[in-house]
Amino acid sequence: VPDSETSMHLSLQRGRFLEAYRNRFGIRDVRDVRFRAGRGAF
């Protein structure tokens, strides 16, 4: 993610992301989601 504020905001929504992986796509390998500021495309 681009910055720490976005990281903190999305961290509060981990539950819905995990639920989407499990319920929409049947993926149970994802047990947690962590957001890292200033990386990736950045």
PDB file of all heavy atoms in Angstrom:
ATOM      1  N   VAL A   1       0.854  -1.190   0.000  1.00  0.00           N
ATOM      2  CA  VAL A   1       0.000   0.000   0.000  1.00  0.00           C
ATOM      3  C   VAL A   1       0.891   1.241   0.000  1.00  0.00           C
ATOM      4  O   VAL A   1       2.077   1.162   0.350  1.00  0.00           O
ATOM      5  CB  VAL A   1      -0.936   0.019   1.224  1.00  0.00           C
ATOM      6  CG1 VAL A   1      -1.892  -1.175   1.190  1.00  0.00           C
ATOM      7  CG2 VAL A   1      -0.145   0.015   2.525  1.00  0.00           C
ATOM      8  N   PRO A   2       0.366   2.400  -0.390  1.00  0.00           N
ATOM      9  CA  PRO A   2       1.230   3.571  -0.563  1.00  0.00           C
ATOM     10  C   PRO A   2       1.729   4.222   0.719  1.00  0.00           C
ATOM     11  O   PRO A   2       2.778   4.866   0.712  1.00  0.00           O
ATOM     12  CB  PRO A   2       0.357   4.541  -1.368  1.00  0.00           C
ATOM     13  CG  PRO A   2      -1.048   4.112  -1.090  1.00  0.00           C
ATOM     14  CD  PRO A   2      -0.995   2.630  -0.899  1.00  0.00           C
ATOM     15  N   ASP A   3       0.982   4.095   1.847  1.00  0.00           N
ATOM     16  CA  ASP A   3       1.406   4.820   3.050  1.00  0.00           C
ATOM     17  C   ASP A   3       0.883   4.116   4.303  1.00  0.00           C
ATOM     18  O   ASP A   3       0.039   3.221   4.235  1.00  0.00           O
ATOM     19  CB  ASP A   3       0.907   6.269   3.014  1.00  0.00           C
ATOM     20  CG  ASP A   3      -0.584   6.367   2.748  1.00  0.00           C
ATOM     21  OD1 ASP A   3      -1.372   5.816   3.554  1.00  0.00           O
ATOM     22  OD2 ASP A   3      -0.974   6.962   1.725  1.00  0.00           O
ATOM     23  N   SER A   4       1.393   4.537   5.459  1.00  0.00           N
ATOM     24  CA  SER A   4       1.047   3.881   6.723  1.00  0.00           C
ATOM     25  C   SER A   4      -0.405   4.117   7.114  1.00  0.00           C
ATOM     26  O   SER A   4      -1.037   3.275   7.767  1.00  0.00           O
ATOM     27  CB  SER A   4       1.974   4.383   7.836  1.00  0.00           C
ATOM     28  OG  SER A   4       1.903   5.788   7.965  1.00  0.00           O
ATOM     29  N   GLU A   5      -0.966   5.254   6.737  1.00  0.00           N
ATOM     30  CA  GLU A   5      -2.371   5.520   7.060  1.00  0.00           C
ATOM     31  C   GLU A   5      -3.282   4.527   6.357  1.00  0.00           C
ATOM     32  O   GLU A   5      -4.230   3.987   6.955  1.00  0.00           O
ATOM     33  CB  GLU A   5      -2.742   6.947   6.659  1.00  0.00           C
ATOM     34  CG  GLU A   5      -4.167   7.326   7.061  1.00  0.00           C
ATOM     35  CD  GLU A   5      -4.498   8.770   6.711  1.00  0.00           C
ATOM     36  OE1 GLU A   5      -3.565   9.517   6.354  1.00  0.00           O
ATOM     37  OE2 GLU A   5      -5.684   9.135   6.806  1.00  0.00           O
ATOM     38  N   THR A   6      -3.000   4.265   5.080  1.00  0.00           N
ATOM     39  CA  THR A   6      -3.776   3.269   4.340  1.00  0.00           C
ATOM     40  C   THR A   6      -3.591   1.886   4.948  1.00  0.00           C
ATOM     41  O   THR A   6      -4.542   1.102   5.071  1.00  0.00           O
ATOM     42  CB  THR A   6      -3.338   3.243   2.866  1.00  0.00           C
ATOM     43  OG1 THR A   6      -3.513   4.536   2.297  1.00  0.00           O
ATOM     44  CG2 THR A   6      -4.151   2.233   2.070  1.00  0.00           C
ATOM     45  N   SER A   7      -2.351   1.568   5.337  1.00  0.00           N
ATOM     46  CA  SER A   7      -2.072   0.283   5.964  1.00  0.00           C
ATOM     47  C   SER A   7      -2.918   0.093   7.222  1.00  0.00           C
ATOM     48  O   SER A   7      -3.526  -0.963   7.423  1.00  0.00           O
ATOM     49  CB  SER A   7      -0.583   0.186   6.315  1.00  0.00           C
ATOM     50  OG  SER A   7      -0.318  -0.980   7.054  1.00  0.00           O
ATOM     51  N   MET A   8      -2.970   1.097   8.074  1.00  0.00           N
ATOM     52  CA  MET A   8      -3.734   1.006   9.307  1.00  0.00           C
ATOM     53  C   MET A   8      -5.225   0.872   9.021  1.00  0.00           C
ATOM     54  O   MET A   8      -5.923   0.066   9.645  1.00  0.00           O
ATOM     55  CB  MET A   8      -3.472   2.237  10.182  1.00  0.00           C
ATOM     56  CG  MET A   8      -4.179   2.190  11.534  1.00  0.00           C
ATOM     57  SD  MET A   8      -3.712   3.569  12.603  1.00  0.00           S
ATOM     58  CE  MET A   8      -4.341   4.959  11.632  1.00  0.00           C
ATOM     59  N   HIS A   9      -5.705   1.640   8.052  1.00  0.00           N
ATOM     60  CA  HIS A   9      -7.130   1.609   7.715  1.00  0.00           C
ATOM     61  C   HIS A   9      -7.534   0.230   7.188  1.00  0.00           C
ATOM     62  O   HIS A   9      -8.563  -0.340   7.604  1.00  0.00           O
ATOM     63  CB  HIS A   9      -7.430   2.685   6.674  1.00  0.00           C
ATOM     64  CG  HIS A   9      -8.836   2.650   6.169  1.00  0.00           C
ATOM     65  ND1 HIS A   9      -9.921   3.013   6.943  1.00  0.00           N
ATOM     66  CD2 HIS A   9      -9.345   2.272   4.958  1.00  0.00           C
ATOM     67  CE1 HIS A   9     -11.034   2.870   6.242  1.00  0.00           C
ATOM     68  NE2 HIS A   9     -10.711   2.419   5.033  1.00  0.00           N
ATOM     69  N   LEU A  10      -6.732  -0.343   6.288  1.00  0.00           N
ATOM     70  CA  LEU A  10      -7.085  -1.637   5.703  1.00  0.00           C
ATOM     71  C   LEU A  10      -6.885  -2.782   6.689  1.00  0.00           C
ATOM     72  O   LEU A  10      -7.573  -3.806   6.603  1.00  0.00           O
ATOM     73  CB  LEU A  10      -6.252  -1.882   4.437  1.00  0.00           C
ATOM     74  CG  LEU A  10      -6.552  -0.939   3.265  1.00  0.00           C
ATOM     75  CD1 LEU A  10      -5.694  -1.295   2.067  1.00  0.00           C
ATOM     76  CD2 LEU A  10      -8.029  -0.976   2.893  1.00  0.00           C
ATOM     77  N   SER A  11      -5.972  -2.606   7.639  1.00  0.00           N
ATOM     78  CA  SER A  11      -5.759  -3.649   8.644  1.00  0.00           C
ATOM     79  C   SER A  11      -7.020  -3.891   9.459  1.00  0.00           C
ATOM     80  O   SER A  11      -7.278  -5.008   9.929  1.00  0.00           O
ATOM     81  CB  SER A  11      -4.607  -3.272   9.574  1.00  0.00           C
ATOM     82  OG  SER A  11      -3.385  -3.264   8.870  1.00  0.00           O
ATOM     83  N   LEU A  12      -7.823  -2.843   9.635  1.00  0.00           N
ATOM     84  CA  LEU A  12      -9.067  -2.977  10.383  1.00  0.00           C
ATOM     85  C   LEU A  12     -10.118  -3.768   9.602  1.00  0.00           C
ATOM     86  O   LEU A  12     -11.136  -4.175  10.170  1.00  0.00           O
ATOM     87  CB  LEU A  12      -9.613  -1.597  10.740  1.00  0.00           C
ATOM     88  CG  LEU A  12      -8.712  -0.727  11.630  1.00  0.00           C
ATOM     89  CD1 LEU A  12      -9.329   0.656  11.810  1.00  0.00           C
ATOM     90  CD2 LEU A  12      -8.491  -1.402  12.979  1.00  0.00           C
ATOM     91  N   GLN A  13      -9.850  -3.978   8.297  1.00  0.00           N
ATOM     92  CA  GLN A  13     -10.815  -4.695   7.453  1.00  0.00           C
ATOM     93  C   GLN A  13     -10.346  -6.103   7.093  1.00  0.00           C
ATOM     94  O   GLN A  13     -10.892  -6.725   6.181  1.00  0.00           O
ATOM     95  CB  GLN A  13     -11.059  -3.890   6.170  1.00  0.00           C
ATOM     96  CG  GLN A  13     -11.551  -2.470   6.418  1.00  0.00           C
ATOM     97  CD  GLN A  13     -11.777  -1.733   5.119  1.00  0.00           C
ATOM     98  OE1 GLN A  13     -12.502  -2.198   4.240  1.00  0.00           O
ATOM     99  NE2 GLN A  13     -11.144  -0.571   4.971  1.00  0.00           N
ATOM    100  N   ARG A  14      -9.347  -6.607   7.799  1.00  0.00           N
ATOM    101  CA  ARG A  14      -8.809  -7.944   7.490  1.00  0.00           C
ATOM    102  C   ARG A  14      -9.913  -8.993   7.392  1.00  0.00           C
ATOM    103  O   ARG A  14      -9.902  -9.856   6.514  1.00  0.00           O
ATOM    104  CB  ARG A  14      -7.843  -8.375   8.585  1.00  0.00           C
ATOM    105  CG  ARG A  14      -6.454  -7.799   8.506  1.00  0.00           C
ATOM    106  CD  ARG A  14      -5.543  -8.586   9.451  1.00  0.00           C
ATOM    107  NE  ARG A  14      -4.235  -7.989   9.551  1.00  0.00           N
ATOM    108  CZ  ARG A  14      -3.855  -7.184  10.526  1.00  0.00           C
ATOM    109  NH1 ARG A  14      -4.725  -6.869  11.479  1.00  0.00           N
ATOM    110  NH2 ARG A  14      -2.636  -6.697  10.560  1.00  0.00           N
ATOM    111  N   GLY A  15     -10.857  -8.905   8.341  1.00  0.00           N
ATOM    112  CA  GLY A  15     -11.902  -9.923   8.409  1.00  0.00           C
ATOM    113  C   GLY A  15     -12.669 -10.073   7.116  1.00  0.00           C
ATOM    114  O   GLY A  15     -12.916 -11.194   6.657  1.00  0.00           O
ATOM    115  N   ARG A  16     -13.031  -8.965   6.508  1.00  0.00           N
ATOM    116  CA  ARG A  16     -13.842  -9.068   5.280  1.00  0.00           C
ATOM    117  C   ARG A  16     -13.019  -9.607   4.113  1.00  0.00           C
ATOM    118  O   ARG A  16     -13.538 -10.300   3.240  1.00  0.00           O
ATOM    119  CB  ARG A  16     -14.497  -7.735   4.930  1.00  0.00           C
ATOM    120  CG  ARG A  16     -13.630  -6.675   4.283  1.00  0.00           C
ATOM    121  CD  ARG A  16     -14.487  -5.458   3.922  1.00  0.00           C
ATOM    122  NE  ARG A  16     -13.733  -4.378   3.310  1.00  0.00           N
ATOM    123  CZ  ARG A  16     -13.557  -4.262   2.005  1.00  0.00           C
ATOM    124  NH1 ARG A  16     -14.065  -5.169   1.186  1.00  0.00           N
ATOM    125  NH2 ARG A  16     -12.871  -3.240   1.512  1.00  0.00           N
ATOM    126  N   PHE A  17     -11.706  -9.308   4.087  1.00  0.00           N
ATOM    127  CA  PHE A  17     -10.855  -9.840   3.028  1.00  0.00           C
ATOM    128  C   PHE A  17     -10.711 -11.361   3.176  1.00  0.00           C
ATOM    129  O   PHE A  17     -10.808 -12.105   2.192  1.00  0.00           O
ATOM    130  CB  PHE A  17      -9.475  -9.173   3.051  1.00  0.00           C
ATOM    131  CG  PHE A  17      -9.512  -7.687   2.833  1.00  0.00           C
ATOM    132  CD1 PHE A  17      -8.785  -6.829   3.647  1.00  0.00           C
ATOM    133  CD2 PHE A  17     -10.275  -7.131   1.819  1.00  0.00           C
ATOM    134  CE1 PHE A  17      -8.815  -5.455   3.456  1.00  0.00           C
ATOM    135  CE2 PHE A  17     -10.319  -5.752   1.615  1.00  0.00           C
ATOM    136  CZ  PHE A  17      -9.584  -4.913   2.438  1.00  0.00           C
ATOM    137  N   LEU A  18     -10.482 -11.815   4.408  1.00  0.00           N
ATOM    138  CA  LEU A  18     -10.350 -13.250   4.648  1.00  0.00           C
ATOM    139  C   LEU A  18     -11.648 -13.977   4.324  1.00  0.00           C
ATOM    140  O   LEU A  18     -11.647 -15.069   3.750  1.00  0.00           O
ATOM    141  CB  LEU A  18      -9.948 -13.503   6.106  1.00  0.00           C
ATOM    142  CG  LEU A  18      -8.561 -12.995   6.511  1.00  0.00           C
ATOM    143  CD1 LEU A  18      -8.341 -13.194   8.010  1.00  0.00           C
ATOM    144  CD2 LEU A  18      -7.469 -13.709   5.722  1.00  0.00           C
ATOM    145  N   GLU A  19     -12.769 -13.349   4.679  1.00  0.00           N
ATOM    146  CA  GLU A  19     -14.076 -13.939   4.386  1.00  0.00           C
ATOM    147  C   GLU A  19     -14.286 -14.058   2.879  1.00  0.00           C
ATOM    148  O   GLU A  19     -14.830 -15.059   2.387  1.00  0.00           O
ATOM    149  CB  GLU A  19     -15.191 -13.095   5.009  1.00  0.00           C
ATOM    150  CG  GLU A  19     -16.578 -13.689   4.811  1.00  0.00           C
ATOM    151  CD  GLU A  19     -17.667 -12.831   5.443  1.00  0.00           C
ATOM    152  OE1 GLU A  19     -17.328 -11.766   5.999  1.00  0.00           O
ATOM    153  OE2 GLU A  19     -18.832 -13.240   5.374  1.00  0.00           O
ATOM    154  N   ALA A  20     -13.852 -13.049   2.120  1.00  0.00           N
ATOM    155  CA  ALA A  20     -13.990 -13.096   0.667  1.00  0.00           C
ATOM    156  C   ALA A  20     -13.174 -14.243   0.084  1.00  0.00           C
ATOM    157  O   ALA A  20     -13.637 -14.969  -0.808  1.00  0.00           O
ATOM    158  CB  ALA A  20     -13.551 -11.767   0.059  1.00  0.00           C
ATOM    159  N   TYR A  21     -11.937 -14.406   0.563  1.00  0.00           N
ATOM    160  CA  TYR A  21     -11.116 -15.517   0.068  1.00  0.00           C
ATOM    161  C   TYR A  21     -11.798 -16.852   0.338  1.00  0.00           C
ATOM    162  O   TYR A  21     -11.844 -17.731  -0.539  1.00  0.00           O
ATOM    163  CB  TYR A  21      -9.730 -15.495   0.728  1.00  0.00           C
ATOM    164  CG  TYR A  21      -8.724 -14.630  -0.005  1.00  0.00           C
ATOM    165  CD1 TYR A  21      -8.221 -13.468   0.570  1.00  0.00           C
ATOM    166  CD2 TYR A  21      -8.275 -14.993  -1.277  1.00  0.00           C
ATOM    167  CE1 TYR A  21      -7.304 -12.672  -0.102  1.00  0.00           C
ATOM    168  CE2 TYR A  21      -7.355 -14.211  -1.956  1.00  0.00           C
ATOM    169  CZ  TYR A  21      -6.866 -13.054  -1.365  1.00  0.00           C
ATOM    170  OH  TYR A  21      -5.972 -12.277  -2.044  1.00  0.00           O
ATOM    171  N   ARG A  22     -12.334 -17.014   1.546  1.00  0.00           N
ATOM    172  CA  ARG A  22     -12.918 -18.301   1.914  1.00  0.00           C
ATOM    173  C   ARG A  22     -14.268 -18.534   1.237  1.00  0.00           C
ATOM    174  O   ARG A  22     -14.511 -19.601   0.672  1.00  0.00           O
ATOM    175  CB  ARG A  22     -13.073 -18.394   3.438  1.00  0.00           C
ATOM    176  CG  ARG A  22     -11.760 -18.669   4.168  1.00  0.00           C
ATOM    177  CD  ARG A  22     -12.009 -19.027   5.615  1.00  0.00           C
ATOM    178  NE  ARG A  22     -12.411 -17.849   6.394  1.00  0.00           N
ATOM    179  CZ  ARG A  22     -11.573 -17.121   7.120  1.00  0.00           C
ATOM    180  NH1 ARG A  22     -10.294 -17.424   7.143  1.00  0.00           N
ATOM    181  NH2 ARG A  22     -12.000 -16.075   7.795  1.00  0.00           N
ATOM    182  N   ASN A  23     -15.141 -17.553   1.333  1.00  0.00           N
ATOM    183  CA  ASN A  23     -16.514 -17.765   0.879  1.00  0.00           C
ATOM    184  C   ASN A  23     -16.714 -17.565  -0.615  1.00  0.00           C
ATOM    185  O   ASN A  23     -17.515 -18.274  -1.238  1.00  0.00           O
ATOM    186  CB  ASN A  23     -17.466 -16.842   1.655  1.00  0.00           C
ATOM    187  CG  ASN A  23     -17.492 -17.167   3.134  1.00  0.00           C
ATOM    188  OD1 ASN A  23     -17.107 -18.260   3.537  1.00  0.00           O
ATOM    189  ND2 ASN A  23     -17.926 -16.227   3.960  1.00  0.00           N
ATOM    190  N   ARG A  24     -16.025 -16.584  -1.214  1.00  0.00           N
ATOM    191  CA  ARG A  24     -16.203 -16.336  -2.650  1.00  0.00           C
ATOM    192  C   ARG A  24     -15.360 -17.265  -3.506  1.00  0.00           C
ATOM    193  O   ARG A  24     -15.784 -17.709  -4.577  1.00  0.00           O
ATOM    194  CB  ARG A  24     -15.867 -14.888  -2.992  1.00  0.00           C
ATOM    195  CG  ARG A  24     -16.897 -13.866  -2.541  1.00  0.00           C
ATOM    196  CD  ARG A  24     -16.465 -12.457  -2.912  1.00  0.00           C
ATOM    197  NE  ARG A  24     -16.238 -12.316  -4.333  1.00  0.00           N
ATOM    198  CZ  ARG A  24     -15.576 -11.290  -4.883  1.00  0.00           C
ATOM    199  NH1 ARG A  24     -15.073 -10.336  -4.106  1.00  0.00           N
ATOM    200  NH2 ARG A  24     -15.402 -11.219  -6.181  1.00  0.00           N
ATOM    201  N   PHE A  25     -14.134 -17.550  -3.032  1.00  0.00           N
ATOM    202  CA  PHE A  25     -13.200 -18.286  -3.879  1.00  0.00           C
ATOM    203  C   PHE A  25     -12.778 -19.633  -3.295  1.00  0.00           C
ATOM    204  O   PHE A  25     -12.031 -20.375  -3.924  1.00  0.00           O
ATOM    205  CB  PHE A  25     -11.955 -17.432  -4.145  1.00  0.00           C
ATOM    206  CG  PHE A  25     -12.272 -16.124  -4.800  1.00  0.00           C
ATOM    207  CD1 PHE A  25     -12.164 -14.931  -4.100  1.00  0.00           C
ATOM    208  CD2 PHE A  25     -12.711 -16.074  -6.111  1.00  0.00           C
ATOM    209  CE1 PHE A  25     -12.465 -13.719  -4.697  1.00  0.00           C
ATOM    210  CE2 PHE A  25     -13.015 -14.881  -6.716  1.00  0.00           C
ATOM    211  CZ  PHE A  25     -12.899 -13.686  -6.014  1.00  0.00           C
ATOM    212  N   GLY A  26     -13.252 -19.970  -2.090  1.00  0.00           N
ATOM    213  CA  GLY A  26     -12.925 -21.264  -1.508  1.00  0.00           C
ATOM    214  C   GLY A  26     -11.461 -21.449  -1.161  1.00  0.00           C
ATOM    215  O   GLY A  26     -10.955 -22.572  -1.119  1.00  0.00           O
ATOM    216  N   ILE A  27     -10.753 -20.346  -0.888  1.00  0.00           N
ATOM    217  CA  ILE A  27      -9.324 -20.396  -0.570  1.00  0.00           C
ATOM    218  C   ILE A  27      -9.141 -20.282   0.935  1.00  0.00           C
ATOM    219  O   ILE A  27      -9.505 -19.266   1.536  1.00  0.00           O
ATOM    220  CB  ILE A  27      -8.564 -19.256  -1.285  1.00  0.00           C
ATOM    221  CG1 ILE A  27      -8.662 -19.452  -2.791  1.00  0.00           C
ATOM    222  CG2 ILE A  27      -7.109 -19.204  -0.833  1.00  0.00           C
ATOM    223  CD1 ILE A  27      -8.025 -18.339  -3.586  1.00  0.00           C
ATOM    224  N   ARG A  28      -8.556 -21.308   1.531  1.00  0.00           N
ATOM    225  CA  ARG A  28      -8.346 -21.317   2.983  1.00  0.00           C
ATOM    226  C   ARG A  28      -6.872 -21.206   3.349  1.00  0.00           C
ATOM    227  O   ARG A  28      -6.526 -21.242   4.526  1.00  0.00           O
ATOM    228  CB  ARG A  28      -8.958 -22.584   3.590  1.00  0.00           C
ATOM    229  CG  ARG A  28     -10.461 -22.657   3.341  1.00  0.00           C
ATOM    230  CD  ARG A  28     -11.122 -23.791   4.095  1.00  0.00           C
ATOM    231  NE  ARG A  28     -12.563 -23.776   3.882  1.00  0.00           N
ATOM    232  CZ  ARG A  28     -13.413 -23.019   4.562  1.00  0.00           C
ATOM    233  NH1 ARG A  28     -12.963 -22.214   5.504  1.00  0.00           N
ATOM    234  NH2 ARG A  28     -14.706 -23.043   4.312  1.00  0.00           N
ATOM    235  N   ASP A  29      -6.016 -21.106   2.333  1.00  0.00           N
ATOM    236  CA  ASP A  29      -4.584 -20.967   2.610  1.00  0.00           C
ATOM    237  C   ASP A  29      -4.253 -19.602   3.191  1.00  0.00           C
ATOM    238  O   ASP A  29      -3.211 -19.433   3.831  1.00  0.00           O
ATOM    239  CB  ASP A  29      -3.766 -21.177   1.327  1.00  0.00           C
ATOM    240  CG  ASP A  29      -3.832 -22.617   0.836  1.00  0.00           C
ATOM    241  OD1 ASP A  29      -4.101 -23.498   1.664  1.00  0.00           O
ATOM    242  OD2 ASP A  29      -3.622 -22.849  -0.360  1.00  0.00           O
ATOM    243  N   VAL A  30      -5.103 -18.603   2.946  1.00  0.00           N
ATOM    244  CA  VAL A  30      -4.847 -17.250   3.461  1.00  0.00           C
ATOM    245  C   VAL A  30      -5.423 -17.150   4.867  1.00  0.00           C
ATOM    246  O   VAL A  30      -6.640 -17.121   5.053  1.00  0.00           O
ATOM    247  CB  VAL A  30      -5.475 -16.178   2.551  1.00  0.00           C
ATOM    248  CG1 VAL A  30      -5.152 -14.781   3.082  1.00  0.00           C
ATOM    249  CG2 VAL A  30      -4.960 -16.322   1.123  1.00  0.00           C
ATOM    250  N   ARG A  31      -4.540 -17.089   5.867  1.00  0.00           N
ATOM    251  CA  ARG A  31      -4.990 -17.019   7.262  1.00  0.00           C
ATOM    252  C   ARG A  31      -4.920 -15.601   7.814  1.00  0.00           C
ATOM    253  O   ARG A  31      -5.535 -15.291   8.829  1.00  0.00           O
ATOM    254  CB  ARG A  31      -4.138 -17.944   8.132  1.00  0.00           C
ATOM    255  CG  ARG A  31      -4.219 -19.415   7.739  1.00  0.00           C
ATOM    256  CD  ARG A  31      -3.611 -20.300   8.819  1.00  0.00           C
ATOM    257  NE  ARG A  31      -2.243 -19.913   9.128  1.00  0.00           N
ATOM    258  CZ  ARG A  31      -1.160 -20.385   8.499  1.00  0.00           C
ATOM    259  NH1 ARG A  31      -1.310 -21.246   7.516  1.00  0.00           N
ATOM    260  NH2 ARG A  31       0.050 -19.989   8.843  1.00  0.00           N
ATOM    261  N   ASP A  32      -4.164 -14.728   7.138  1.00  0.00           N
ATOM    262  CA  ASP A  32      -4.047 -13.348   7.603  1.00  0.00           C
ATOM    263  C   ASP A  32      -3.617 -12.484   6.424  1.00  0.00           C
ATOM    264  O   ASP A  32      -3.068 -12.983   5.440  1.00  0.00           O
ATOM    265  CB  ASP A  32      -3.019 -13.240   8.735  1.00  0.00           C
ATOM    266  CG  ASP A  32      -3.110 -11.912   9.492  1.00  0.00           C
ATOM    267  OD1 ASP A  32      -4.075 -11.157   9.241  1.00  0.00           O
ATOM    268  OD2 ASP A  32      -2.221 -11.639  10.311  1.00  0.00           O
ATOM    269  N   VAL A  33      -3.889 -11.185   6.531  1.00  0.00           N
ATOM    270  CA  VAL A  33      -3.472 -10.227   5.516  1.00  0.00           C
ATOM    271  C   VAL A  33      -2.704  -9.114   6.215  1.00  0.00           C
ATOM    272  O   VAL A  33      -3.181  -8.561   7.209  1.00  0.00           O
ATOM    273  CB  VAL A  33      -4.669  -9.610   4.756  1.00  0.00           C
ATOM    274  CG1 VAL A  33      -4.179  -8.678   3.659  1.00  0.00           C
ATOM    275  CG2 VAL A  33      -5.550 -10.717   4.168  1.00  0.00           C
ATOM    276  N   ARG A  34      -1.524  -8.812   5.724  1.00  0.00           N
ATOM    277  CA  ARG A  34      -0.716  -7.745   6.298  1.00  0.00           C
ATOM    278  C   ARG A  34      -0.385  -6.725   5.211  1.00  0.00           C
ATOM    279  O   ARG A  34      -0.005  -7.092   4.094  1.00  0.00           O
ATOM    280  CB  ARG A  34       0.570  -8.301   6.915  1.00  0.00           C
ATOM    281  CG  ARG A  34       0.293  -9.207   8.108  1.00  0.00           C
ATOM    282  CD  ARG A  34       1.563  -9.679   8.773  1.00  0.00           C
ATOM    283  NE  ARG A  34       1.261 -10.652   9.824  1.00  0.00           N
ATOM    284  CZ  ARG A  34       2.183 -11.317  10.500  1.00  0.00           C
ATOM    285  NH1 ARG A  34       3.478 -11.109  10.251  1.00  0.00           N
ATOM    286  NH2 ARG A  34       1.836 -12.193  11.431  1.00  0.00           N
ATOM    287  N   PHE A  35      -0.525  -5.471   5.579  1.00  0.00           N
ATOM    288  CA  PHE A  35      -0.338  -4.385   4.620  1.00  0.00           C
ATOM    289  C   PHE A  35       0.981  -3.677   4.909  1.00  0.00           C
ATOM    290  O   PHE A  35       1.275  -3.310   6.043  1.00  0.00           O
ATOM    291  CB  PHE A  35      -1.518  -3.415   4.715  1.00  0.00           C
ATOM    292  CG  PHE A  35      -2.830  -4.080   4.417  1.00  0.00           C
ATOM    293  CD1 PHE A  35      -3.610  -4.609   5.445  1.00  0.00           C
ATOM    294  CD2 PHE A  35      -3.271  -4.222   3.109  1.00  0.00           C
ATOM    295  CE1 PHE A  35      -4.812  -5.250   5.175  1.00  0.00           C
ATOM    296  CE2 PHE A  35      -4.473  -4.861   2.839  1.00  0.00           C
ATOM    297  CZ  PHE A  35      -5.250  -5.368   3.867  1.00  0.00           C
ATOM    298  N   ARG A  36       1.778  -3.515   3.848  1.00  0.00           N
ATOM    299  CA  ARG A  36       3.108  -2.933   3.993  1.00  0.00           C
ATOM    300  C   ARG A  36       3.178  -1.627   3.209  1.00  0.00           C
ATOM    301  O   ARG A  36       2.888  -1.593   2.002  1.00  0.00           O
ATOM    302  CB  ARG A  36       4.173  -3.912   3.506  1.00  0.00           C
ATOM    303  CG  ARG A  36       4.078  -5.269   4.215  1.00  0.00           C
ATOM    304  CD  ARG A  36       5.158  -6.215   3.764  1.00  0.00           C
ATOM    305  NE  ARG A  36       5.103  -6.460   2.324  1.00  0.00           N
ATOM    306  CZ  ARG A  36       5.937  -7.268   1.680  1.00  0.00           C
ATOM    307  NH1 ARG A  36       6.890  -7.892   2.356  1.00  0.00           N
ATOM    308  NH2 ARG A  36       5.834  -7.457   0.390  1.00  0.00           N
ATOM    309  N   ALA A  37       3.522  -0.573   3.888  1.00  0.00           N
ATOM    310  CA  ALA A  37       3.531   0.760   3.281  1.00  0.00           C
ATOM    311  C   ALA A  37       4.772   0.990   2.424  1.00  0.00           C
ATOM    312  O   ALA A  37       5.872   0.561   2.777  1.00  0.00           O
ATOM    313  CB  ALA A  37       3.465   1.831   4.372  1.00  0.00           C
ATOM    314  N   GLY A  38       4.566   1.646   1.270  1.00  0.00           N
ATOM    315  CA  GLY A  38       5.669   2.110   0.440  1.00  0.00           C
ATOM    316  C   GLY A  38       6.392   1.055  -0.331  1.00  0.00           C
ATOM    317  O   GLY A  38       7.576   1.193  -0.625  1.00  0.00           O
ATOM    318  N   ARG A  39       5.675  -0.082  -0.706  1.00  0.00           N
ATOM    319  CA  ARG A  39       6.354  -1.144  -1.417  1.00  0.00           C
ATOM    320  C   ARG A  39       5.578  -1.555  -2.656  1.00  0.00           C
ATOM    321  O   ARG A  39       4.607  -0.965  -3.040  1.00  0.00           O
ATOM    322  CB  ARG A  39       6.549  -2.349  -0.498  1.00  0.00           C
ATOM    323  CG  ARG A  39       7.311  -2.003   0.760  1.00  0.00           C
ATOM    324  CD  ARG A  39       7.952  -3.205   1.363  1.00  0.00           C
ATOM    325  NE  ARG A  39       8.686  -3.954   0.352  1.00  0.00           N
ATOM    326  CZ  ARG A  39       9.332  -5.091   0.624  1.00  0.00           C
ATOM    327  NH1 ARG A  39       9.324  -5.578   1.835  1.00  0.00           N
ATOM    328  NH2 ARG A  39       9.990  -5.734  -0.330  1.00  0.00           N
ATOM    329  N   GLY A  40       6.077  -2.649  -3.317  1.00  0.00           N
ATOM    330  CA  GLY A  40       5.377  -3.237  -4.456  1.00  0.00           C
ATOM    331  C   GLY A  40       5.446  -2.369  -5.672  1.00  0.00           C
ATOM    332  O   GLY A  40       6.503  -2.064  -6.177  1.00  0.00           O
ATOM    333  N   ALA A  41       4.262  -1.917  -6.161  1.00  0.00           N
ATOM    334  CA  ALA A  41       4.231  -1.053  -7.327  1.00  0.00           C
ATOM    335  C   ALA A  41       4.966   0.210  -6.991  1.00  0.00           C
ATOM    336  O   ALA A  41       5.320   0.995  -7.839  1.00  0.00           O
ATOM    337  CB  ALA A  41       2.788  -0.741  -7.697  1.00  0.00           C
ATOM    338  N   PHE A  42       5.191   0.392  -5.671  1.00  0.00           N
ATOM    339  CA  PHE A  42       5.853   1.589  -5.163  1.00  0.00           C
ATOM    340  C   PHE A  42       7.323   1.294  -4.870  1.00  0.00           C
ATOM    341  O   PHE A  42       8.015   2.079  -4.253  1.00  0.00           O
ATOM    342  CB  PHE A  42       5.128   2.034  -3.894  1.00  0.00           C
ATOM    343  CG  PHE A  42       3.653   1.742  -3.966  1.00  0.00           C
ATOM    344  CD1 PHE A  42       3.113   0.641  -3.310  1.00  0.00           C
ATOM    345  CD2 PHE A  42       2.809   2.527  -4.715  1.00  0.00           C
ATOM    346  CE1 PHE A  42       1.763   0.352  -3.402  1.00  0.00           C
ATOM    347  CE2 PHE A  42       1.456   2.240  -4.803  1.00  0.00           C
ATOM    348  CZ  PHE A  42       0.932   1.154  -4.144  1.00  0.00           C
TER     349      PHE A  42
END
